[in-house]
């Protein structure tokens, strides 16, 4: 997300929570910030640039990071992007209502898929109400006949001539 406010261009990357990535992923985010800054500087933008790592939930009580960006989590993030100090709790009720509606649809769909999976599994890997383990293991781990000979771990040497 990118926006201007009071002479500042904010470049915001949005993550789910404060523990979203490993060192390499954070390094990638910092590189993205620097590339964005270079593009803005080359376009003669007169705006001051601030980089924000925004997290939808969680806490980080030291928002300024020594790599020259801010990390806003939870209430601090939602207040930053909206200007409303209670947005982080105001959005919960409508989300919960929508989630309940979607959950009902999800449960029905999940039940249909589960019934289909059980029927397919029973047809393909069960005999007389019991799992045919040999057939299941062969399906999961056995060598398929249609593979080329070299794919079976055997190699053929070419003769020089």
N, C-alpha and C. Protein backbone atom coordinates (compact mmCIF):
# COMPACT_ATOMS: atom_id res chain seq x y z
N UNK A 1 0.86 -1.15 0.00
CA UNK A 1 0.00 0.00 0.00
C UNK A 1 0.92 1.22 0.00
N UNK A 2 0.45 2.26 -0.67
CA UNK A 2 1.24 3.48 -0.75
C UNK A 2 0.28 4.67 -0.69
N UNK A 3 0.61 5.65 0.14
CA UNK A 3 -0.23 6.85 0.21
C UNK A 3 0.59 8.02 0.73
N UNK A 4 0.08 9.24 0.46
CA UNK A 4 0.72 10.47 0.91
C UNK A 4 -0.13 11.10 2.00
N UNK A 5 0.56 11.67 3.00
CA UNK A 5 -0.14 12.38 4.08
C UNK A 5 0.82 13.41 4.66
N UNK A 6 0.40 14.67 4.66
CA UNK A 6 1.19 15.76 5.24
C UNK A 6 2.63 15.79 4.72
N UNK A 7 2.81 15.68 3.41
CA UNK A 7 4.14 15.77 2.81
C UNK A 7 5.00 14.53 2.97
N UNK A 8 4.39 13.45 3.42
CA UNK A 8 5.13 12.19 3.60
C UNK A 8 4.52 11.13 2.69
N UNK A 9 5.36 10.42 1.97
CA UNK A 9 4.92 9.27 1.18
C UNK A 9 5.17 8.03 2.05
N UNK A 10 4.09 7.34 2.38
CA UNK A 10 4.18 6.11 3.17
C UNK A 10 4.14 4.92 2.22
N UNK A 11 5.13 4.07 2.35
CA UNK A 11 5.15 2.81 1.60
C UNK A 11 4.99 1.72 2.63
N UNK A 12 3.89 0.99 2.51
CA UNK A 12 3.49 0.04 3.55
C UNK A 12 3.43 -1.37 2.98
N UNK A 13 4.10 -2.28 3.65
CA UNK A 13 3.92 -3.70 3.33
C UNK A 13 3.07 -4.28 4.45
N UNK A 14 2.06 -5.04 4.09
CA UNK A 14 1.10 -5.54 5.08
C UNK A 14 1.30 -7.05 5.26
N UNK A 15 1.49 -7.44 6.50
CA UNK A 15 1.68 -8.84 6.87
C UNK A 15 0.63 -9.22 7.91
N UNK A 16 0.45 -10.51 8.09
CA UNK A 16 -0.58 -10.94 9.03
C UNK A 16 -0.23 -10.58 10.46
N UNK A 17 0.96 -10.94 10.91
CA UNK A 17 1.34 -10.70 12.30
C UNK A 17 2.81 -10.38 12.42
N UNK A 18 3.26 -10.11 13.64
CA UNK A 18 4.63 -9.65 13.85
C UNK A 18 5.72 -10.68 13.55
N UNK A 19 5.41 -11.94 13.58
CA UNK A 19 6.41 -12.99 13.33
C UNK A 19 6.21 -13.59 11.94
N UNK A 20 6.03 -12.74 10.94
CA UNK A 20 5.64 -13.17 9.60
C UNK A 20 6.75 -13.77 8.78
N UNK A 21 8.02 -13.47 9.06
CA UNK A 21 9.04 -13.95 8.15
C UNK A 21 10.37 -14.21 8.82
N UNK A 22 11.21 -14.91 8.08
CA UNK A 22 12.56 -15.18 8.55
C UNK A 22 13.49 -14.04 8.13
N UNK A 23 14.76 -14.14 8.46
CA UNK A 23 15.73 -13.09 8.17
C UNK A 23 15.80 -12.77 6.67
N UNK A 24 15.77 -13.81 5.83
CA UNK A 24 15.84 -13.61 4.39
C UNK A 24 14.62 -12.88 3.86
N UNK A 25 13.45 -13.19 4.38
CA UNK A 25 12.23 -12.52 3.93
C UNK A 25 12.21 -11.05 4.37
N UNK A 26 12.69 -10.80 5.57
CA UNK A 26 12.77 -9.41 6.04
C UNK A 26 13.79 -8.64 5.20
N UNK A 27 14.91 -9.28 4.89
CA UNK A 27 15.90 -8.66 4.01
C UNK A 27 15.27 -8.33 2.65
N UNK A 28 14.45 -9.22 2.12
CA UNK A 28 13.75 -8.96 0.86
C UNK A 28 12.83 -7.76 0.98
N UNK A 29 12.12 -7.63 2.10
CA UNK A 29 11.25 -6.49 2.31
C UNK A 29 12.07 -5.20 2.33
N UNK A 30 13.20 -5.21 3.01
CA UNK A 30 14.05 -4.02 3.07
C UNK A 30 14.58 -3.65 1.69
N UNK A 31 14.93 -4.65 0.88
CA UNK A 31 15.36 -4.38 -0.50
C UNK A 31 14.23 -3.76 -1.31
N UNK A 32 13.01 -4.27 -1.12
CA UNK A 32 11.85 -3.69 -1.82
C UNK A 32 11.65 -2.23 -1.42
N UNK A 33 11.83 -1.93 -0.13
CA UNK A 33 11.72 -0.55 0.33
C UNK A 33 12.75 0.34 -0.37
N UNK A 34 14.00 -0.15 -0.43
CA UNK A 34 15.05 0.65 -1.06
C UNK A 34 14.80 0.87 -2.55
N UNK A 35 14.31 -0.14 -3.24
CA UNK A 35 13.98 0.00 -4.66
C UNK A 35 12.88 1.03 -4.86
N UNK A 36 11.89 1.00 -3.99
CA UNK A 36 10.79 1.97 -4.08
C UNK A 36 11.33 3.38 -3.85
N UNK A 37 12.23 3.53 -2.90
CA UNK A 37 12.81 4.85 -2.62
C UNK A 37 13.60 5.35 -3.82
N UNK A 38 14.40 4.47 -4.43
CA UNK A 38 15.18 4.87 -5.60
C UNK A 38 14.27 5.32 -6.74
N UNK A 39 13.16 4.62 -6.94
CA UNK A 39 12.22 5.00 -7.99
C UNK A 39 11.61 6.37 -7.71
N UNK A 40 11.27 6.63 -6.45
CA UNK A 40 10.68 7.92 -6.10
C UNK A 40 11.70 9.05 -6.23
N UNK A 41 12.92 8.80 -5.81
CA UNK A 41 13.96 9.83 -5.90
C UNK A 41 14.23 10.15 -7.36
N UNK A 42 14.28 9.12 -8.21
CA UNK A 42 14.55 9.36 -9.63
C UNK A 42 13.39 10.06 -10.33
N UNK A 43 12.20 10.02 -9.74
CA UNK A 43 11.05 10.72 -10.34
C UNK A 43 10.93 12.15 -9.81
N UNK A 44 11.97 12.59 -9.09
CA UNK A 44 12.02 13.94 -8.52
C UNK A 44 10.91 14.22 -7.52
N UNK A 45 10.47 13.19 -6.83
CA UNK A 45 9.47 13.39 -5.79
C UNK A 45 10.09 14.19 -4.65
N UNK A 46 9.38 15.20 -4.19
CA UNK A 46 9.86 16.05 -3.09
C UNK A 46 9.35 15.55 -1.74
N UNK A 47 8.62 14.46 -1.73
CA UNK A 47 8.04 13.95 -0.50
C UNK A 47 9.08 13.24 0.35
N UNK A 48 8.95 13.39 1.66
CA UNK A 48 9.74 12.58 2.59
C UNK A 48 9.17 11.16 2.52
N UNK A 49 10.01 10.15 2.60
CA UNK A 49 9.55 8.76 2.44
C UNK A 49 9.69 8.02 3.76
N UNK A 50 8.64 7.34 4.15
CA UNK A 50 8.65 6.49 5.35
C UNK A 50 8.22 5.09 4.95
N UNK A 51 8.92 4.10 5.49
CA UNK A 51 8.60 2.70 5.22
C UNK A 51 7.94 2.11 6.45
N UNK A 52 6.85 1.38 6.20
CA UNK A 52 6.08 0.80 7.30
C UNK A 52 5.87 -0.69 7.03
N UNK A 53 6.20 -1.51 8.02
CA UNK A 53 5.83 -2.92 8.01
C UNK A 53 4.59 -3.03 8.89
N UNK A 54 3.41 -3.15 8.27
CA UNK A 54 2.16 -3.18 9.01
C UNK A 54 1.70 -4.60 9.26
N UNK A 55 1.34 -4.89 10.50
CA UNK A 55 0.89 -6.23 10.89
C UNK A 55 -0.55 -6.13 11.39
N UNK A 56 -1.41 -6.97 10.85
CA UNK A 56 -2.84 -6.90 11.16
C UNK A 56 -3.16 -7.22 12.61
N UNK A 57 -2.33 -8.00 13.26
CA UNK A 57 -2.56 -8.31 14.67
C UNK A 57 -1.22 -8.34 15.40
N UNK A 58 -1.30 -8.41 16.69
CA UNK A 58 -0.09 -8.55 17.50
C UNK A 58 0.40 -7.23 18.07
N UNK A 59 1.59 -7.30 18.68
CA UNK A 59 2.19 -6.14 19.32
C UNK A 59 3.67 -6.10 19.00
N UNK A 60 4.18 -4.88 18.93
CA UNK A 60 5.61 -4.63 18.87
C UNK A 60 5.80 -3.28 19.52
N UNK A 61 6.32 -3.27 20.72
CA UNK A 61 6.39 -2.05 21.50
C UNK A 61 7.59 -1.17 21.14
N UNK A 62 8.39 -1.58 20.18
CA UNK A 62 9.48 -0.75 19.68
C UNK A 62 9.29 -0.60 18.17
N UNK A 63 8.39 0.30 17.76
CA UNK A 63 8.04 0.38 16.35
C UNK A 63 9.17 0.82 15.41
N UNK A 64 10.09 1.68 15.89
CA UNK A 64 11.17 2.09 14.99
C UNK A 64 12.25 1.02 14.95
N UNK A 65 12.62 0.61 13.77
CA UNK A 65 13.64 -0.42 13.59
C UNK A 65 14.92 0.22 13.05
N UNK A 66 16.06 -0.28 13.48
CA UNK A 66 17.34 0.34 13.11
C UNK A 66 17.64 0.25 11.62
N UNK A 67 16.87 -0.54 10.88
CA UNK A 67 17.04 -0.60 9.42
C UNK A 67 16.23 0.50 8.73
N UNK A 68 15.81 1.52 9.49
CA UNK A 68 15.12 2.70 8.96
C UNK A 68 13.71 2.41 8.45
N UNK A 69 12.95 1.67 9.21
CA UNK A 69 11.53 1.49 8.93
C UNK A 69 10.78 1.35 10.24
N UNK A 70 9.47 1.44 10.15
CA UNK A 70 8.62 1.28 11.33
C UNK A 70 7.83 -0.01 11.19
N UNK A 71 7.60 -0.65 12.32
CA UNK A 71 6.77 -1.85 12.37
C UNK A 71 5.59 -1.55 13.28
N UNK A 72 4.41 -1.42 12.66
CA UNK A 72 3.19 -1.14 13.41
C UNK A 72 2.34 -2.40 13.43
N UNK A 73 2.00 -2.84 14.64
CA UNK A 73 1.23 -4.07 14.80
C UNK A 73 -0.10 -3.78 15.51
N UNK A 74 -1.10 -4.59 15.15
CA UNK A 74 -2.39 -4.54 15.83
C UNK A 74 -3.02 -3.15 15.82
N UNK A 75 -3.42 -2.68 16.99
CA UNK A 75 -4.10 -1.39 17.12
C UNK A 75 -3.28 -0.27 16.50
N UNK A 76 -1.97 -0.26 16.73
CA UNK A 76 -1.12 0.80 16.17
C UNK A 76 -1.20 0.83 14.64
N UNK A 77 -1.24 -0.34 13.99
CA UNK A 77 -1.34 -0.40 12.53
C UNK A 77 -2.69 0.10 12.04
N UNK A 78 -3.78 -0.41 12.64
CA UNK A 78 -5.12 -0.02 12.20
C UNK A 78 -5.37 1.46 12.44
N UNK A 79 -4.86 2.00 13.52
CA UNK A 79 -4.98 3.43 13.77
C UNK A 79 -4.18 4.22 12.75
N UNK A 80 -2.99 3.75 12.42
CA UNK A 80 -2.16 4.43 11.43
C UNK A 80 -2.85 4.54 10.07
N UNK A 81 -3.46 3.45 9.60
CA UNK A 81 -4.05 3.51 8.25
C UNK A 81 -5.44 4.13 8.22
N UNK A 82 -6.12 4.19 9.38
CA UNK A 82 -7.50 4.71 9.38
C UNK A 82 -7.69 6.02 10.14
N UNK A 83 -6.81 6.29 11.08
CA UNK A 83 -7.00 7.45 11.95
C UNK A 83 -7.99 7.18 13.08
N UNK A 84 -8.52 5.97 13.15
CA UNK A 84 -9.50 5.59 14.17
C UNK A 84 -8.85 4.66 15.20
N UNK A 85 -8.82 5.08 16.45
CA UNK A 85 -8.15 4.28 17.48
C UNK A 85 -8.88 2.98 17.81
N UNK A 86 -10.18 2.90 17.50
CA UNK A 86 -10.93 1.69 17.86
C UNK A 86 -11.22 0.80 16.66
N UNK A 87 -10.69 1.13 15.50
CA UNK A 87 -10.99 0.32 14.31
C UNK A 87 -10.63 -1.15 14.52
N UNK A 88 -9.51 -1.41 15.18
CA UNK A 88 -9.07 -2.79 15.35
C UNK A 88 -10.10 -3.64 16.10
N UNK A 89 -10.92 -3.04 16.95
CA UNK A 89 -12.00 -3.81 17.61
C UNK A 89 -13.32 -3.63 16.89
N UNK A 90 -13.52 -2.48 16.24
CA UNK A 90 -14.78 -2.23 15.52
C UNK A 90 -15.00 -3.22 14.38
N UNK A 91 -13.93 -3.69 13.76
CA UNK A 91 -14.08 -4.59 12.61
C UNK A 91 -14.35 -6.04 13.01
N UNK A 92 -14.18 -6.36 14.27
CA UNK A 92 -14.32 -7.75 14.71
C UNK A 92 -15.75 -8.25 14.59
N UNK A 93 -16.73 -7.47 15.04
CA UNK A 93 -18.12 -7.94 15.02
C UNK A 93 -18.62 -8.25 13.61
N UNK A 94 -18.46 -7.33 12.63
CA UNK A 94 -18.91 -7.68 11.28
C UNK A 94 -18.14 -8.85 10.68
N UNK A 95 -16.86 -8.94 11.00
CA UNK A 95 -16.08 -10.08 10.50
C UNK A 95 -16.59 -11.38 11.10
N UNK A 96 -16.90 -11.35 12.39
CA UNK A 96 -17.42 -12.54 13.05
C UNK A 96 -18.74 -12.99 12.45
N UNK A 97 -19.62 -12.05 12.15
CA UNK A 97 -20.92 -12.37 11.55
C UNK A 97 -20.72 -13.00 10.17
N UNK A 98 -19.88 -12.38 9.37
CA UNK A 98 -19.59 -12.92 8.03
C UNK A 98 -18.93 -14.28 8.14
N UNK A 99 -18.03 -14.43 9.09
CA UNK A 99 -17.35 -15.71 9.27
C UNK A 99 -18.34 -16.82 9.62
N UNK A 100 -19.35 -16.50 10.46
CA UNK A 100 -20.35 -17.51 10.82
C UNK A 100 -21.13 -17.96 9.58
N UNK A 101 -21.50 -17.01 8.73
CA UNK A 101 -22.22 -17.36 7.50
C UNK A 101 -21.35 -18.24 6.60
N UNK A 102 -20.11 -17.83 6.42
CA UNK A 102 -19.19 -18.58 5.55
C UNK A 102 -18.85 -19.94 6.16
N UNK A 103 -18.79 -20.01 7.47
CA UNK A 103 -18.46 -21.26 8.13
C UNK A 103 -19.53 -22.31 7.86
N UNK A 104 -20.79 -21.91 7.85
CA UNK A 104 -21.89 -22.83 7.56
C UNK A 104 -21.72 -23.39 6.14
N UNK A 105 -21.45 -22.50 5.18
CA UNK A 105 -21.23 -22.92 3.79
C UNK A 105 -20.02 -23.84 3.69
N UNK A 106 -18.96 -23.47 4.41
CA UNK A 106 -17.74 -24.28 4.40
C UNK A 106 -18.00 -25.68 4.95
N UNK A 107 -18.71 -25.77 6.07
CA UNK A 107 -18.99 -27.06 6.69
C UNK A 107 -19.79 -27.96 5.75
N UNK A 108 -20.76 -27.38 5.05
CA UNK A 108 -21.55 -28.17 4.10
C UNK A 108 -20.68 -28.66 2.95
N UNK A 109 -19.86 -27.79 2.42
CA UNK A 109 -18.95 -28.16 1.32
C UNK A 109 -17.95 -29.21 1.79
N UNK A 110 -17.41 -29.02 2.98
CA UNK A 110 -16.45 -29.96 3.55
C UNK A 110 -17.08 -31.34 3.71
N UNK A 111 -18.32 -31.39 4.18
CA UNK A 111 -19.01 -32.67 4.35
C UNK A 111 -19.19 -33.38 3.01
N UNK A 112 -19.56 -32.62 1.96
CA UNK A 112 -19.71 -33.23 0.62
C UNK A 112 -18.39 -33.80 0.12
N UNK A 113 -17.32 -33.02 0.26
CA UNK A 113 -16.01 -33.47 -0.21
C UNK A 113 -15.55 -34.68 0.59
N UNK A 114 -15.77 -34.68 1.90
CA UNK A 114 -15.37 -35.80 2.74
C UNK A 114 -16.10 -37.07 2.33
N UNK A 115 -17.40 -36.97 2.08
CA UNK A 115 -18.17 -38.15 1.64
C UNK A 115 -17.62 -38.68 0.32
N UNK A 116 -17.29 -37.77 -0.61
CA UNK A 116 -16.76 -38.19 -1.90
C UNK A 116 -15.39 -38.85 -1.73
N UNK A 117 -14.54 -38.26 -0.88
CA UNK A 117 -13.21 -38.84 -0.62
C UNK A 117 -13.34 -40.24 -0.03
N UNK A 118 -14.21 -40.39 0.96
CA UNK A 118 -14.39 -41.70 1.59
C UNK A 118 -14.90 -42.72 0.56
N UNK A 119 -15.84 -42.32 -0.28
CA UNK A 119 -16.36 -43.23 -1.30
C UNK A 119 -15.25 -43.64 -2.28
N UNK A 120 -14.46 -42.66 -2.75
CA UNK A 120 -13.37 -42.96 -3.68
C UNK A 120 -12.31 -43.84 -3.02
N UNK A 121 -11.95 -43.52 -1.79
CA UNK A 121 -10.94 -44.30 -1.08
C UNK A 121 -11.43 -45.73 -0.86
N UNK A 122 -12.67 -45.87 -0.44
CA UNK A 122 -13.23 -47.20 -0.20
C UNK A 122 -13.25 -48.02 -1.48
N UNK A 123 -13.65 -47.40 -2.58
CA UNK A 123 -13.70 -48.09 -3.87
C UNK A 123 -12.30 -48.53 -4.31
N UNK A 124 -11.31 -47.66 -4.13
CA UNK A 124 -9.97 -47.92 -4.67
C UNK A 124 -9.06 -48.72 -3.74
N UNK A 125 -9.26 -48.63 -2.41
CA UNK A 125 -8.28 -49.22 -1.50
C UNK A 125 -8.87 -50.09 -0.40
N UNK A 126 -10.13 -50.41 -0.49
CA UNK A 126 -10.72 -51.25 0.53
C UNK A 126 -11.34 -52.51 -0.08
N UNK A 127 -11.28 -53.58 0.70
CA UNK A 127 -11.91 -54.85 0.30
C UNK A 127 -12.58 -55.43 1.53
N UNK A 128 -13.84 -55.76 1.41
CA UNK A 128 -14.62 -56.33 2.51
C UNK A 128 -14.55 -55.47 3.78
N UNK A 129 -14.59 -54.14 3.61
CA UNK A 129 -14.60 -53.22 4.75
C UNK A 129 -13.25 -52.96 5.39
N UNK A 130 -12.17 -53.52 4.85
CA UNK A 130 -10.83 -53.31 5.41
C UNK A 130 -9.93 -52.67 4.36
N UNK A 131 -8.97 -51.91 4.85
CA UNK A 131 -8.01 -51.26 3.94
C UNK A 131 -7.05 -52.30 3.40
N UNK A 132 -6.88 -52.31 2.10
CA UNK A 132 -5.87 -53.14 1.46
C UNK A 132 -4.57 -52.35 1.49
N UNK A 133 -3.78 -52.56 2.54
CA UNK A 133 -2.58 -51.76 2.76
C UNK A 133 -1.55 -51.93 1.65
N UNK A 134 -1.43 -53.11 1.14
CA UNK A 134 -0.46 -53.33 0.06
C UNK A 134 -0.83 -52.49 -1.16
N UNK A 135 -2.09 -52.47 -1.51
CA UNK A 135 -2.55 -51.68 -2.66
C UNK A 135 -2.35 -50.18 -2.40
N UNK A 136 -2.61 -49.74 -1.18
CA UNK A 136 -2.44 -48.33 -0.83
C UNK A 136 -0.97 -47.93 -0.88
N UNK A 137 -0.10 -48.75 -0.30
CA UNK A 137 1.33 -48.44 -0.32
C UNK A 137 1.87 -48.48 -1.74
N UNK A 138 1.41 -49.44 -2.53
CA UNK A 138 1.83 -49.51 -3.94
C UNK A 138 1.42 -48.25 -4.69
N UNK A 139 0.21 -47.77 -4.45
CA UNK A 139 -0.27 -46.55 -5.09
C UNK A 139 0.58 -45.35 -4.67
N UNK A 140 0.89 -45.25 -3.39
CA UNK A 140 1.61 -44.11 -2.85
C UNK A 140 3.10 -44.14 -3.14
N UNK A 141 3.71 -45.31 -3.13
CA UNK A 141 5.17 -45.38 -3.18
C UNK A 141 5.73 -46.29 -4.27
N UNK A 142 4.89 -47.03 -4.94
CA UNK A 142 5.38 -47.98 -5.93
C UNK A 142 5.83 -47.31 -7.22
N UNK A 143 6.67 -48.00 -7.96
CA UNK A 143 7.15 -47.52 -9.25
C UNK A 143 6.04 -47.72 -10.27
N UNK A 144 5.77 -46.69 -11.02
CA UNK A 144 4.75 -46.77 -12.06
C UNK A 144 5.37 -47.41 -13.30
N UNK A 145 4.65 -48.31 -13.95
CA UNK A 145 5.18 -49.04 -15.10
C UNK A 145 5.50 -48.15 -16.28
N UNK A 146 4.81 -47.02 -16.39
CA UNK A 146 5.00 -46.20 -17.57
C UNK A 146 6.24 -45.31 -17.52
N UNK A 147 7.00 -45.33 -16.40
CA UNK A 147 8.20 -44.51 -16.31
C UNK A 147 9.31 -45.08 -17.18
N UNK A 148 10.14 -44.20 -17.76
CA UNK A 148 11.28 -44.68 -18.54
C UNK A 148 12.23 -45.48 -17.66
N UNK A 149 12.97 -46.35 -18.26
CA UNK A 149 13.86 -47.24 -17.52
C UNK A 149 14.86 -46.47 -16.66
N UNK A 150 15.44 -45.38 -17.16
CA UNK A 150 16.43 -44.63 -16.39
C UNK A 150 15.81 -43.97 -15.16
N UNK A 151 14.52 -43.76 -15.13
CA UNK A 151 13.86 -43.15 -13.97
C UNK A 151 13.72 -44.13 -12.82
N UNK A 152 13.99 -45.38 -13.07
CA UNK A 152 13.85 -46.39 -12.02
C UNK A 152 15.14 -46.60 -11.25
N UNK A 153 16.07 -45.67 -11.41
CA UNK A 153 17.32 -45.80 -10.67
C UNK A 153 18.37 -46.57 -11.43
N UNK A 154 18.04 -47.09 -12.58
CA UNK A 154 19.00 -47.83 -13.39
C UNK A 154 19.41 -46.94 -14.55
N UNK A 155 20.67 -46.87 -14.80
CA UNK A 155 21.14 -46.05 -15.91
C UNK A 155 21.80 -46.96 -16.93
N UNK A 156 21.75 -46.54 -18.13
CA UNK A 156 22.42 -47.29 -19.19
C UNK A 156 23.58 -46.46 -19.68
N UNK A 157 24.70 -47.08 -19.86
CA UNK A 157 25.89 -46.37 -20.33
C UNK A 157 25.93 -46.42 -21.85
N UNK A 158 26.26 -45.28 -22.41
CA UNK A 158 26.43 -45.24 -23.85
C UNK A 158 27.81 -45.76 -24.19
N UNK A 159 27.85 -46.56 -25.23
CA UNK A 159 29.16 -47.04 -25.69
C UNK A 159 29.76 -46.00 -26.61
N UNK A 160 31.04 -45.76 -26.43
CA UNK A 160 31.73 -44.85 -27.33
C UNK A 160 32.14 -45.62 -28.56
N UNK A 161 32.00 -45.00 -29.65
CA UNK A 161 32.41 -45.77 -30.79
C UNK A 161 32.53 -45.02 -31.97
